[in-house]
Amino acid sequence: MKRKLFALLLSGFAIILLMGAGVDQTALTVAPVSSIRTEEPAAPVEEPLDVIEKEPEAPVVDEQPELDRILLLDGHPVPKSAGRTTIGGMTYVSLRVMSQQLDTSAQVNWDAENNLVTVTTEKLTITAKEGQLYIVANGRYLYMPEGVQVIDGQMMVSLDALAKAFDATTGWDAQEGRFLVTRGSGAILSGDEFYQEDELFWMSRIIFAESGNQILEGKMAVGNVVLNRVNHSIWPDTIFGVISQRNQFSTYKNGRLANRTPNAGSVIAAKLVLDGGVVEEVAGAYYFDAFLDRSWAARNKAVLAVIGGHRFYG
């Protein structure tokens, strides 16, 4: 009986030891919750901004157009894109570029099919067609002996004619060797206001009667002779007075001239000469004939030029 009781006591003691040993083992292998460390992946190390190498940015350049220091508008050089050049002794410029310099609001339209450029501003309308000997500005016909030309894709016109269209003035500074353009009102007076009805009536009819089938400059040359006489003291001082003078213009006889209807070319020629257009060869001519060797001029005056079907005399 004592042995059994002792054996039971040993067994209980052993169980108590084993239980104690389990608790201690758990304490060794399991850490308290408050001491558990969660390992997160390390964040990449960012370099300071001033250390990161960047490709240098190109400096911002305020591009200025290349300037033509020979052509000045109100004292300032115009862009070289104005294309200033010399044709037949006359200064030519780009119609588009120079128009937009003279008036920054100018709108330019190029009808490539017809080679026609139209410039419009609030006050002005200009048309220019390749090959024509003039530009039309507010109904005014402005003569250019070398005509409207296209060079390197630009419609080119006479600087003097274009300045006149914008009511600007042109000059030459011989000391500095520069062309000077000065703005005016911005637009030429319209044709309806400029051309006097009586002068246009008689000038267009005498041109038609004497040279209606001639080339444009042949028509203009007849008109130049009439105006040369108007401006000379020995002839009457009106167009009608000159062409109605006795024994001068046979086409005026019997009032037939007034009943003629001039063709479009004769009207254009009349407007060109009334607007100051002069065919250089006849600048000093006061007479013309249709190759009549017995005419007074042929016997007494020197031939200055032959244009179309006429000889012109000084």
C-alpha atoms as a PDB file:
ATOM      1  CA  MET A   1       0.000   0.000   0.000  1.00  0.00           C
ATOM      2  CA  LYS A   2       2.829   2.425   0.788  1.00  0.00           C
ATOM      3  CA  ARG A   3       4.556   1.464  -2.427  1.00  0.00           C
ATOM      4  CA  LYS A   4       1.440   2.308  -4.472  1.00  0.00           C
ATOM      5  CA  LEU A   5       1.026   5.601  -2.663  1.00  0.00           C
ATOM      6  CA  PHE A   6       4.694   6.486  -3.284  1.00  0.00           C
ATOM      7  CA  ALA A   7       4.420   5.529  -6.960  1.00  0.00           C
ATOM      8  CA  LEU A   8       1.401   7.766  -7.362  1.00  0.00           C
ATOM      9  CA  LEU A   9       3.236  10.623  -5.735  1.00  0.00           C
ATOM     10  CA  LEU A  10       6.194  10.180  -8.117  1.00  0.00           C
ATOM     11  CA  SER A  11       3.928  10.082 -11.113  1.00  0.00           C
ATOM     12  CA  GLY A  12       2.173  13.312 -10.037  1.00  0.00           C
ATOM     13  CA  PHE A  13       5.471  14.988  -9.401  1.00  0.00           C
ATOM     14  CA  ALA A  14       6.716  13.971 -12.832  1.00  0.00           C
ATOM     15  CA  ILE A  15       3.592  15.361 -14.465  1.00  0.00           C
ATOM     16  CA  ILE A  16       4.078  18.633 -12.636  1.00  0.00           C
ATOM     17  CA  LEU A  17       7.690  18.791 -13.826  1.00  0.00           C
ATOM     18  CA  LEU A  18       6.709  18.056 -17.390  1.00  0.00           C
ATOM     19  CA  MET A  19       4.048  20.796 -17.348  1.00  0.00           C
ATOM     20  CA  GLY A  20       6.483  23.269 -15.946  1.00  0.00           C
ATOM     21  CA  ALA A  21       9.021  22.349 -18.573  1.00  0.00           C
ATOM     22  CA  GLY A  22       6.396  23.041 -21.323  1.00  0.00           C
ATOM     23  CA  VAL A  23       5.680  26.494 -20.078  1.00  0.00           C
ATOM     24  CA  ASP A  24       9.337  27.373 -19.931  1.00  0.00           C
ATOM     25  CA  GLN A  25       9.876  26.060 -23.491  1.00  0.00           C
ATOM     26  CA  THR A  26       7.088  28.236 -24.792  1.00  0.00           C
ATOM     27  CA  ALA A  27       8.596  31.266 -23.085  1.00  0.00           C
ATOM     28  CA  LEU A  28      11.864  30.573 -24.839  1.00  0.00           C
ATOM     29  CA  THR A  29      10.399  30.247 -28.320  1.00  0.00           C
ATOM     30  CA  VAL A  30       7.483  32.740 -28.403  1.00  0.00           C
ATOM     31  CA  ALA A  31       8.161  36.432 -27.844  1.00  0.00           C
ATOM     32  CA  PRO A  32       5.562  38.693 -26.273  1.00  0.00           C
ATOM     33  CA  VAL A  33       3.307  40.464 -28.817  1.00  0.00           C
ATOM     34  CA  SER A  34       4.696  43.869 -27.853  1.00  0.00           C
ATOM     35  CA  SER A  35       8.203  42.831 -28.844  1.00  0.00           C
ATOM     36  CA  ILE A  36       7.397  41.403 -32.352  1.00  0.00           C
ATOM     37  CA  ARG A  37       9.130  43.406 -35.171  1.00  0.00           C
ATOM     38  CA  THR A  38       7.529  43.468 -38.559  1.00  0.00           C
ATOM     39  CA  GLU A  39      10.167  43.701 -41.292  1.00  0.00           C
ATOM     40  CA  GLU A  40       9.109  46.000 -44.201  1.00  0.00           C
ATOM     41  CA  PRO A  41      11.054  46.212 -47.474  1.00  0.00           C
ATOM     42  CA  ALA A  42      13.577  49.018 -47.409  1.00  0.00           C
ATOM     43  CA  ALA A  43      12.496  52.134 -49.362  1.00  0.00           C
ATOM     44  CA  PRO A  44      14.857  53.192 -52.155  1.00  0.00           C
ATOM     45  CA  VAL A  45      17.220  55.917 -51.145  1.00  0.00           C
ATOM     46  CA  GLU A  46      16.448  59.088 -53.076  1.00  0.00           C
ATOM     47  CA  GLU A  47      19.319  61.329 -54.007  1.00  0.00           C
ATOM     48  CA  PRO A  48      19.010  64.978 -53.078  1.00  0.00           C
ATOM     49  CA  LEU A  49      17.608  67.077 -55.925  1.00  0.00           C
ATOM     50  CA  ASP A  50      20.759  69.061 -56.230  1.00  0.00           C
ATOM     51  CA  VAL A  51      22.737  65.893 -56.829  1.00  0.00           C
ATOM     52  CA  ILE A  52      20.634  64.438 -59.681  1.00  0.00           C
ATOM     53  CA  GLU A  53      22.254  65.207 -62.995  1.00  0.00           C
ATOM     54  CA  LYS A  54      19.936  66.686 -65.640  1.00  0.00           C
ATOM     55  CA  GLU A  55      20.597  67.529 -69.243  1.00  0.00           C
ATOM     56  CA  PRO A  56      20.948  71.313 -69.397  1.00  0.00           C
ATOM     57  CA  GLU A  57      17.985  73.083 -71.023  1.00  0.00           C
ATOM     58  CA  ALA A  58      18.625  75.211 -74.072  1.00  0.00           C
ATOM     59  CA  PRO A  59      18.435  78.911 -73.258  1.00  0.00           C
ATOM     60  CA  VAL A  60      15.253  80.675 -74.412  1.00  0.00           C
ATOM     61  CA  VAL A  61      16.177  82.912 -77.324  1.00  0.00           C
ATOM     62  CA  ASP A  62      13.886  85.749 -78.400  1.00  0.00           C
ATOM     63  CA  GLU A  63      14.338  85.406 -82.145  1.00  0.00           C
ATOM     64  CA  GLN A  64      14.420  88.753 -83.883  1.00  0.00           C
ATOM     65  CA  PRO A  65      14.031  89.029 -87.659  1.00  0.00           C
ATOM     66  CA  GLU A  66      17.114  89.946 -89.625  1.00  0.00           C
ATOM     67  CA  LEU A  67      16.846  93.615 -90.523  1.00  0.00           C
ATOM     68  CA  ASP A  68      17.410  95.567 -93.730  1.00  0.00           C
ATOM     69  CA  ARG A  69      19.262  98.632 -92.538  1.00  0.00           C
ATOM     70  CA  ILE A  70      19.089 100.268 -95.973  1.00  0.00           C
ATOM     71  CA  LEU A  71      15.276 100.493 -95.978  1.00  0.00           C
ATOM     72  CA  LEU A  72      13.795 102.421 -93.052  1.00  0.00           C
ATOM     73  CA  LEU A  73      10.133 102.877 -92.168  1.00  0.00           C
ATOM     74  CA  ASP A  74       9.552 105.835 -89.844  1.00  0.00           C
ATOM     75  CA  GLY A  75      13.248 105.659 -88.984  1.00  0.00           C
ATOM     76  CA  HIS A  76      13.339 101.917 -88.196  1.00  0.00           C
ATOM     77  CA  PRO A  77      14.815  99.154 -90.384  1.00  0.00           C
ATOM     78  CA  VAL A  78      12.275  96.785 -91.936  1.00  0.00           C
ATOM     79  CA  PRO A  79      12.790  92.995 -91.915  1.00  0.00           C
ATOM     80  CA  LYS A  80      14.976  91.581 -94.658  1.00  0.00           C
ATOM     81  CA  SER A  81      12.028  89.385 -95.583  1.00  0.00           C
ATOM     82  CA  ALA A  82      10.676  92.503 -97.332  1.00  0.00           C
ATOM     83  CA  GLY A  83      12.982  91.320-100.098  1.00  0.00           C
ATOM     84  CA  ARG A  84      14.208  94.726-101.246  1.00  0.00           C
ATOM     85  CA  THR A  85      15.753  94.466-104.693  1.00  0.00           C
ATOM     86  CA  THR A  86      16.364  96.612-107.760  1.00  0.00           C
ATOM     87  CA  ILE A  87      14.587  95.926-111.047  1.00  0.00           C
ATOM     88  CA  GLY A  88      15.167  98.192-114.026  1.00  0.00           C
ATOM     89  CA  GLY A  89      16.561 100.887-111.768  1.00  0.00           C
ATOM     90  CA  MET A  90      13.502 100.797-109.481  1.00  0.00           C
ATOM     91  CA  THR A  91      13.312  99.551-105.897  1.00  0.00           C
ATOM     92  CA  TYR A  92      10.971  96.595-105.489  1.00  0.00           C
ATOM     93  CA  VAL A  93       9.669  94.991-102.283  1.00  0.00           C
ATOM     94  CA  SER A  94       7.439  92.107-101.242  1.00  0.00           C
ATOM     95  CA  LEU A  95       3.814  93.231-101.472  1.00  0.00           C
ATOM     96  CA  ARG A  96       2.808  91.056 -98.510  1.00  0.00           C
ATOM     97  CA  VAL A  97       5.654  91.857 -96.122  1.00  0.00           C
ATOM     98  CA  MET A  98       5.864  95.576 -96.832  1.00  0.00           C
ATOM     99  CA  SER A  99       2.082  96.012 -96.672  1.00  0.00           C
ATOM    100  CA  GLN A 100       2.056  94.423 -93.225  1.00  0.00           C
ATOM    101  CA  GLN A 101       4.886  96.713 -92.179  1.00  0.00           C
ATOM    102  CA  LEU A 102       2.979  99.781 -93.357  1.00  0.00           C
ATOM    103  CA  ASP A 103      -0.193  98.566 -91.613  1.00  0.00           C
ATOM    104  CA  THR A 104       0.030  95.665 -89.162  1.00  0.00           C
ATOM    105  CA  SER A 105      -3.683  94.920 -89.647  1.00  0.00           C
ATOM    106  CA  ALA A 106      -3.248  94.249 -93.374  1.00  0.00           C
ATOM    107  CA  GLN A 107      -4.757  90.964 -94.575  1.00  0.00           C
ATOM    108  CA  VAL A 108      -3.145  89.397 -97.652  1.00  0.00           C
ATOM    109  CA  ASN A 109      -4.774  86.840 -99.928  1.00  0.00           C
ATOM    110  CA  TRP A 110      -2.991  85.188-102.864  1.00  0.00           C
ATOM    111  CA  ASP A 111      -5.120  83.644-105.591  1.00  0.00           C
ATOM    112  CA  ALA A 112      -2.458  81.280-106.934  1.00  0.00           C
ATOM    113  CA  GLU A 113      -4.576  80.157-109.880  1.00  0.00           C
ATOM    114  CA  ASN A 114      -4.779  83.701-111.255  1.00  0.00           C
ATOM    115  CA  ASN A 115      -1.523  84.999-109.728  1.00  0.00           C
ATOM    116  CA  LEU A 116      -3.527  87.759-108.077  1.00  0.00           C
ATOM    117  CA  VAL A 117      -2.787  89.211-104.637  1.00  0.00           C
ATOM    118  CA  THR A 118      -5.321  91.253-102.679  1.00  0.00           C
ATOM    119  CA  VAL A 119      -4.329  93.360 -99.670  1.00  0.00           C
ATOM    120  CA  THR A 120      -7.064  94.742 -97.436  1.00  0.00           C
ATOM    121  CA  THR A 121      -7.052  97.061 -94.456  1.00  0.00           C
ATOM    122  CA  GLU A 122      -9.834  99.061 -92.853  1.00  0.00           C
ATOM    123  CA  LYS A 123      -9.131 101.927 -95.270  1.00  0.00           C
ATOM    124  CA  LEU A 124      -7.525 100.331 -98.292  1.00  0.00           C
ATOM    125  CA  THR A 125      -7.860  97.608-100.921  1.00  0.00           C
ATOM    126  CA  ILE A 126      -4.958  96.809-103.238  1.00  0.00           C
ATOM    127  CA  THR A 127      -4.896  94.284-106.060  1.00  0.00           C
ATOM    128  CA  ALA A 128      -1.810  93.205-107.977  1.00  0.00           C
ATOM    129  CA  LYS A 129      -1.598  90.671-110.787  1.00  0.00           C
ATOM    130  CA  GLU A 130       1.616  89.186-112.099  1.00  0.00           C
ATOM    131  CA  GLY A 131       2.655  90.803-115.378  1.00  0.00           C
ATOM    132  CA  GLN A 132       0.453  93.896-115.110  1.00  0.00           C
ATOM    133  CA  LEU A 133       2.122  97.306-115.390  1.00  0.00           C
ATOM    134  CA  TYR A 134       0.212  98.693-112.426  1.00  0.00           C
ATOM    135  CA  ILE A 135      -1.415  98.008-109.087  1.00  0.00           C
ATOM    136  CA  VAL A 136      -4.930  99.129-108.259  1.00  0.00           C
ATOM    137  CA  ALA A 137      -5.394 100.886-104.910  1.00  0.00           C
ATOM    138  CA  ASN A 138      -8.874 102.035-103.874  1.00  0.00           C
ATOM    139  CA  GLY A 139      -9.763 102.270-107.567  1.00  0.00           C
ATOM    140  CA  ARG A 140      -6.597 104.242-108.436  1.00  0.00           C
ATOM    141  CA  TYR A 141      -4.245 102.923-111.137  1.00  0.00           C
ATOM    142  CA  LEU A 142      -0.569 103.269-110.185  1.00  0.00           C
ATOM    143  CA  TYR A 143       1.956 102.704-112.974  1.00  0.00           C
ATOM    144  CA  MET A 144       5.032 100.492-112.608  1.00  0.00           C
ATOM    145  CA  PRO A 145       7.188 100.347-115.787  1.00  0.00           C
ATOM    146  CA  GLU A 146       8.708  96.986-114.796  1.00  0.00           C
ATOM    147  CA  GLY A 147       5.343  95.505-113.903  1.00  0.00           C
ATOM    148  CA  VAL A 148       4.269  93.238-111.058  1.00  0.00           C
ATOM    149  CA  GLN A 149       6.719  90.351-110.690  1.00  0.00           C
ATOM    150  CA  VAL A 150       6.964  87.105-108.742  1.00  0.00           C
ATOM    151  CA  ILE A 151      10.441  86.378-107.350  1.00  0.00           C
ATOM    152  CA  ASP A 152      11.206  83.375-105.131  1.00  0.00           C
ATOM    153  CA  GLY A 153       7.525  82.882-104.435  1.00  0.00           C
ATOM    154  CA  GLN A 154       6.862  86.500-103.439  1.00  0.00           C
ATOM    155  CA  MET A 155       4.723  89.015-105.312  1.00  0.00           C
ATOM    156  CA  MET A 156       7.007  92.010-105.831  1.00  0.00           C
ATOM    157  CA  VAL A 157       5.913  95.587-106.542  1.00  0.00           C
ATOM    158  CA  SER A 158       7.494  99.001-106.820  1.00  0.00           C
ATOM    159  CA  LEU A 159       8.213 100.548-103.419  1.00  0.00           C
ATOM    160  CA  ASP A 160       7.115 103.968-104.716  1.00  0.00           C
ATOM    161  CA  ALA A 161       3.767 102.642-105.980  1.00  0.00           C
ATOM    162  CA  LEU A 162       3.082 100.702-102.786  1.00  0.00           C
ATOM    163  CA  ALA A 163       3.982 103.657-100.572  1.00  0.00           C
ATOM    164  CA  LYS A 164       1.666 105.874-102.623  1.00  0.00           C
ATOM    165  CA  ALA A 165      -1.153 103.344-102.137  1.00  0.00           C
ATOM    166  CA  PHE A 166      -0.720 103.636 -98.348  1.00  0.00           C
ATOM    167  CA  ASP A 167      -0.419 107.433 -98.574  1.00  0.00           C
ATOM    168  CA  ALA A 168       3.188 107.148 -97.395  1.00  0.00           C
ATOM    169  CA  THR A 169       6.118 109.168 -98.712  1.00  0.00           C
ATOM    170  CA  THR A 170       9.472 107.895 -99.959  1.00  0.00           C
ATOM    171  CA  GLY A 171      12.859 109.531-100.034  1.00  0.00           C
ATOM    172  CA  TRP A 172      16.567 108.857-100.346  1.00  0.00           C
ATOM    173  CA  ASP A 173      19.125 109.854 -97.721  1.00  0.00           C
ATOM    174  CA  ALA A 174      22.215 110.267 -99.890  1.00  0.00           C
ATOM    175  CA  GLN A 175      24.486 110.902 -96.915  1.00  0.00           C
ATOM    176  CA  GLU A 176      23.541 107.677 -95.137  1.00  0.00           C
ATOM    177  CA  GLY A 177      22.700 105.712 -98.285  1.00  0.00           C
ATOM    178  CA  ARG A 178      19.223 104.740 -97.116  1.00  0.00           C
ATOM    179  CA  PHE A 179      15.690 104.607 -98.470  1.00  0.00           C
ATOM    180  CA  LEU A 180      13.285 106.431 -96.173  1.00  0.00           C
ATOM    181  CA  VAL A 181       9.577 105.663 -95.988  1.00  0.00           C
ATOM    182  CA  THR A 182       7.259 107.724 -93.798  1.00  0.00           C
ATOM    183  CA  ARG A 183       3.707 106.677 -92.984  1.00  0.00           C
ATOM    184  CA  GLY A 184       0.807 108.955 -93.853  1.00  0.00           C
ATOM    185  CA  SER A 185      -2.942 108.506 -93.427  1.00  0.00           C
ATOM    186  CA  GLY A 186      -2.769 104.815 -94.290  1.00  0.00           C
ATOM    187  CA  ALA A 187      -4.725 104.920 -97.551  1.00  0.00           C
ATOM    188  CA  ILE A 188      -4.749 106.723-100.861  1.00  0.00           C
ATOM    189  CA  LEU A 189      -7.768 108.847-101.795  1.00  0.00           C
ATOM    190  CA  SER A 190     -10.259 106.703-103.723  1.00  0.00           C
ATOM    191  CA  GLY A 191     -10.564 106.842-107.496  1.00  0.00           C
ATOM    192  CA  ASP A 192     -14.133 108.156-107.250  1.00  0.00           C
ATOM    193  CA  GLU A 193     -12.821 111.163-105.337  1.00  0.00           C
ATOM    194  CA  PHE A 194      -9.543 111.636-107.229  1.00  0.00           C
ATOM    195  CA  TYR A 195     -10.393 111.381-110.936  1.00  0.00           C
ATOM    196  CA  GLN A 196     -12.279 114.396-112.269  1.00  0.00           C
ATOM    197  CA  GLU A 197     -15.169 113.268-114.409  1.00  0.00           C
ATOM    198  CA  ASP A 198     -14.560 115.773-117.202  1.00  0.00           C
ATOM    199  CA  GLU A 199     -10.833 114.967-117.459  1.00  0.00           C
ATOM    200  CA  LEU A 200     -11.395 111.206-117.450  1.00  0.00           C
ATOM    201  CA  PHE A 201     -14.159 111.551-120.051  1.00  0.00           C
ATOM    202  CA  TRP A 202     -12.001 113.384-122.606  1.00  0.00           C
ATOM    203  CA  MET A 203      -8.713 111.663-121.845  1.00  0.00           C
ATOM    204  CA  SER A 204     -10.135 108.145-122.224  1.00  0.00           C
ATOM    205  CA  ARG A 205     -11.807 109.126-125.514  1.00  0.00           C
ATOM    206  CA  ILE A 206      -8.788 110.771-127.138  1.00  0.00           C
ATOM    207  CA  ILE A 207      -6.650 107.777-126.152  1.00  0.00           C
ATOM    208  CA  PHE A 208      -9.250 105.396-127.615  1.00  0.00           C
ATOM    209  CA  ALA A 209      -9.617 107.405-130.817  1.00  0.00           C
ATOM    210  CA  GLU A 210      -5.873 107.726-131.417  1.00  0.00           C
ATOM    211  CA  SER A 211      -4.535 104.435-130.042  1.00  0.00           C
ATOM    212  CA  GLY A 212      -7.368 102.174-128.939  1.00  0.00           C
ATOM    213  CA  ASN A 213      -5.732  99.190-130.668  1.00  0.00           C
ATOM    214  CA  GLN A 214      -2.247  99.810-129.272  1.00  0.00           C
ATOM    215  CA  ILE A 215      -0.451  98.228-126.335  1.00  0.00           C
ATOM    216  CA  LEU A 216      -1.062  99.784-122.924  1.00  0.00           C
ATOM    217  CA  GLU A 217       2.094 101.923-122.971  1.00  0.00           C
ATOM    218  CA  GLY A 218       1.231 103.061-126.507  1.00  0.00           C
ATOM    219  CA  LYS A 219      -2.118 104.292-125.173  1.00  0.00           C
ATOM    220  CA  MET A 220      -0.418 105.924-122.196  1.00  0.00           C
ATOM    221  CA  ALA A 221       2.091 107.677-124.456  1.00  0.00           C
ATOM    222  CA  VAL A 222      -0.736 109.450-126.310  1.00  0.00           C
ATOM    223  CA  GLY A 223      -2.156 110.552-122.969  1.00  0.00           C
ATOM    224  CA  ASN A 224       1.304 111.749-121.878  1.00  0.00           C
ATOM    225  CA  VAL A 225       1.547 113.986-124.969  1.00  0.00           C
ATOM    226  CA  VAL A 226      -1.830 115.543-124.126  1.00  0.00           C
ATOM    227  CA  LEU A 227      -0.803 116.241-120.511  1.00  0.00           C
ATOM    228  CA  ASN A 228       2.619 117.534-121.584  1.00  0.00           C
ATOM    229  CA  ARG A 229       0.783 120.159-123.622  1.00  0.00           C
ATOM    230  CA  VAL A 230      -1.614 120.953-120.764  1.00  0.00           C
ATOM    231  CA  ASN A 231       1.421 121.652-118.562  1.00  0.00           C
ATOM    232  CA  HIS A 232       3.189 123.822-121.169  1.00  0.00           C
ATOM    233  CA  SER A 233       2.510 127.533-121.443  1.00  0.00           C
ATOM    234  CA  ILE A 234       2.013 127.621-125.242  1.00  0.00           C
ATOM    235  CA  TRP A 235      -0.985 125.233-125.175  1.00  0.00           C
ATOM    236  CA  PRO A 236      -4.335 125.421-123.372  1.00  0.00           C
ATOM    237  CA  ASP A 237      -4.266 124.371-119.721  1.00  0.00           C
ATOM    238  CA  THR A 238      -7.104 121.830-119.860  1.00  0.00           C
ATOM    239  CA  ILE A 239      -7.405 118.451-121.542  1.00  0.00           C
ATOM    240  CA  PHE A 240     -10.465 119.523-123.463  1.00  0.00           C
ATOM    241  CA  GLY A 241      -8.747 122.743-124.519  1.00  0.00           C
ATOM    242  CA  VAL A 242      -5.740 120.830-125.894  1.00  0.00           C
ATOM    243  CA  ILE A 243      -7.621 118.168-127.851  1.00  0.00           C
ATOM    244  CA  SER A 244     -10.199 120.626-129.238  1.00  0.00           C
ATOM    245  CA  GLN A 245      -7.536 123.076-130.453  1.00  0.00           C
ATOM    246  CA  ARG A 246      -7.801 123.755-134.165  1.00  0.00           C
ATOM    247  CA  ASN A 247      -5.731 121.614-136.535  1.00  0.00           C
ATOM    248  CA  GLN A 248      -4.283 119.485-133.766  1.00  0.00           C
ATOM    249  CA  PHE A 249      -6.336 116.311-133.218  1.00  0.00           C
ATOM    250  CA  SER A 250      -8.288 115.276-136.266  1.00  0.00           C
ATOM    251  CA  THR A 251     -10.224 112.700-134.249  1.00  0.00           C
ATOM    252  CA  TYR A 252     -11.960 115.540-132.395  1.00  0.00           C
ATOM    253  CA  LYS A 253     -13.486 117.060-135.526  1.00  0.00           C
ATOM    254  CA  ASN A 254     -17.240 117.487-135.838  1.00  0.00           C
ATOM    255  CA  GLY A 255     -17.859 116.386-132.248  1.00  0.00           C
ATOM    256  CA  ARG A 256     -17.381 112.724-133.103  1.00  0.00           C
ATOM    257  CA  LEU A 257     -15.038 112.156-130.180  1.00  0.00           C
ATOM    258  CA  ALA A 258     -17.677 112.765-127.520  1.00  0.00           C
ATOM    259  CA  ASN A 259     -19.857 110.026-128.993  1.00  0.00           C
ATOM    260  CA  ARG A 260     -17.194 107.340-128.822  1.00  0.00           C
ATOM    261  CA  THR A 261     -17.252 104.695-126.116  1.00  0.00           C
ATOM    262  CA  PRO A 262     -13.679 103.919-125.013  1.00  0.00           C
ATOM    263  CA  ASN A 263     -12.615 100.342-124.431  1.00  0.00           C
ATOM    264  CA  ALA A 264     -11.449  99.166-120.997  1.00  0.00           C
ATOM    265  CA  GLY A 265      -7.764  99.461-121.888  1.00  0.00           C
ATOM    266  CA  SER A 266      -8.181 103.093-122.914  1.00  0.00           C
ATOM    267  CA  VAL A 267      -9.942 103.926-119.636  1.00  0.00           C
ATOM    268  CA  ILE A 268      -7.143 102.226-117.665  1.00  0.00           C
ATOM    269  CA  ALA A 269      -4.500 104.131-119.661  1.00  0.00           C
ATOM    270  CA  ALA A 270      -6.326 107.397-118.994  1.00  0.00           C
ATOM    271  CA  LYS A 271      -6.399 106.694-115.251  1.00  0.00           C
ATOM    272  CA  LEU A 272      -2.715 105.742-115.255  1.00  0.00           C
ATOM    273  CA  VAL A 273      -1.603 109.014-116.854  1.00  0.00           C
ATOM    274  CA  LEU A 274      -4.011 111.117-114.770  1.00  0.00           C
ATOM    275  CA  ASP A 275      -2.422 109.481-111.707  1.00  0.00           C
ATOM    276  CA  GLY A 276       1.047 110.541-112.803  1.00  0.00           C
ATOM    277  CA  GLY A 277       2.086 107.530-114.883  1.00  0.00           C
ATOM    278  CA  VAL A 278       4.661 108.539-117.495  1.00  0.00           C
ATOM    279  CA  VAL A 279       6.201 106.348-120.179  1.00  0.00           C
ATOM    280  CA  GLU A 280       9.832 107.373-119.795  1.00  0.00           C
ATOM    281  CA  GLU A 281      10.617 107.517-123.513  1.00  0.00           C
ATOM    282  CA  VAL A 282       7.939 110.173-124.136  1.00  0.00           C
ATOM    283  CA  ALA A 283       8.477 112.278-121.022  1.00  0.00           C
ATOM    284  CA  GLY A 284       9.422 115.235-123.243  1.00  0.00           C
ATOM    285  CA  ALA A 285       7.152 114.518-126.226  1.00  0.00           C
ATOM    286  CA  TYR A 286       4.633 117.067-127.526  1.00  0.00           C
ATOM    287  CA  TYR A 287       3.760 115.498-130.863  1.00  0.00           C
ATOM    288  CA  PHE A 288       3.067 112.092-132.363  1.00  0.00           C
ATOM    289  CA  ASP A 289       2.040 110.707-135.725  1.00  0.00           C
ATOM    290  CA  ALA A 290       1.256 107.389-137.379  1.00  0.00           C
ATOM    291  CA  PHE A 291       4.499 107.308-139.415  1.00  0.00           C
ATOM    292  CA  LEU A 292       3.423 110.193-141.659  1.00  0.00           C
ATOM    293  CA  ASP A 293       6.583 111.491-143.308  1.00  0.00           C
ATOM    294  CA  ARG A 294       4.797 114.670-144.423  1.00  0.00           C
ATOM    295  CA  SER A 295       3.582 115.615-140.937  1.00  0.00           C
ATOM    296  CA  TRP A 296       4.825 118.863-139.474  1.00  0.00           C
ATOM    297  CA  ALA A 297       6.465 117.035-136.569  1.00  0.00           C
ATOM    298  CA  ALA A 298       8.248 114.583-138.887  1.00  0.00           C
ATOM    299  CA  ARG A 299       9.748 117.533-140.815  1.00  0.00           C
ATOM    300  CA  ASN A 300      10.591 119.726-137.844  1.00  0.00           C
ATOM    301  CA  LYS A 301      11.070 117.650-134.683  1.00  0.00           C
ATOM    302  CA  ALA A 302      13.342 114.871-133.485  1.00  0.00           C
ATOM    303  CA  VAL A 303      11.953 111.387-132.921  1.00  0.00           C
ATOM    304  CA  LEU A 304      12.117 110.436-129.251  1.00  0.00           C
ATOM    305  CA  ALA A 305      10.513 107.015-129.398  1.00  0.00           C
ATOM    306  CA  VAL A 306       8.506 104.583-131.456  1.00  0.00           C
ATOM    307  CA  ILE A 307       5.805 102.777-129.496  1.00  0.00           C
ATOM    308  CA  GLY A 308       3.302 100.567-131.231  1.00  0.00           C
ATOM    309  CA  GLY A 309       1.918 102.339-134.284  1.00  0.00           C
ATOM    310  CA  HIS A 310       3.179 105.825-133.436  1.00  0.00           C
ATOM    311  CA  ARG A 311       6.310 107.933-133.524  1.00  0.00           C
ATOM    312  CA  PHE A 312       6.709 110.468-130.739  1.00  0.00           C
ATOM    313  CA  TYR A 313       8.565 113.767-131.109  1.00  0.00           C
ATOM    314  CA  GLY A 314      10.060 116.282-128.722  1.00  0.00           C
END
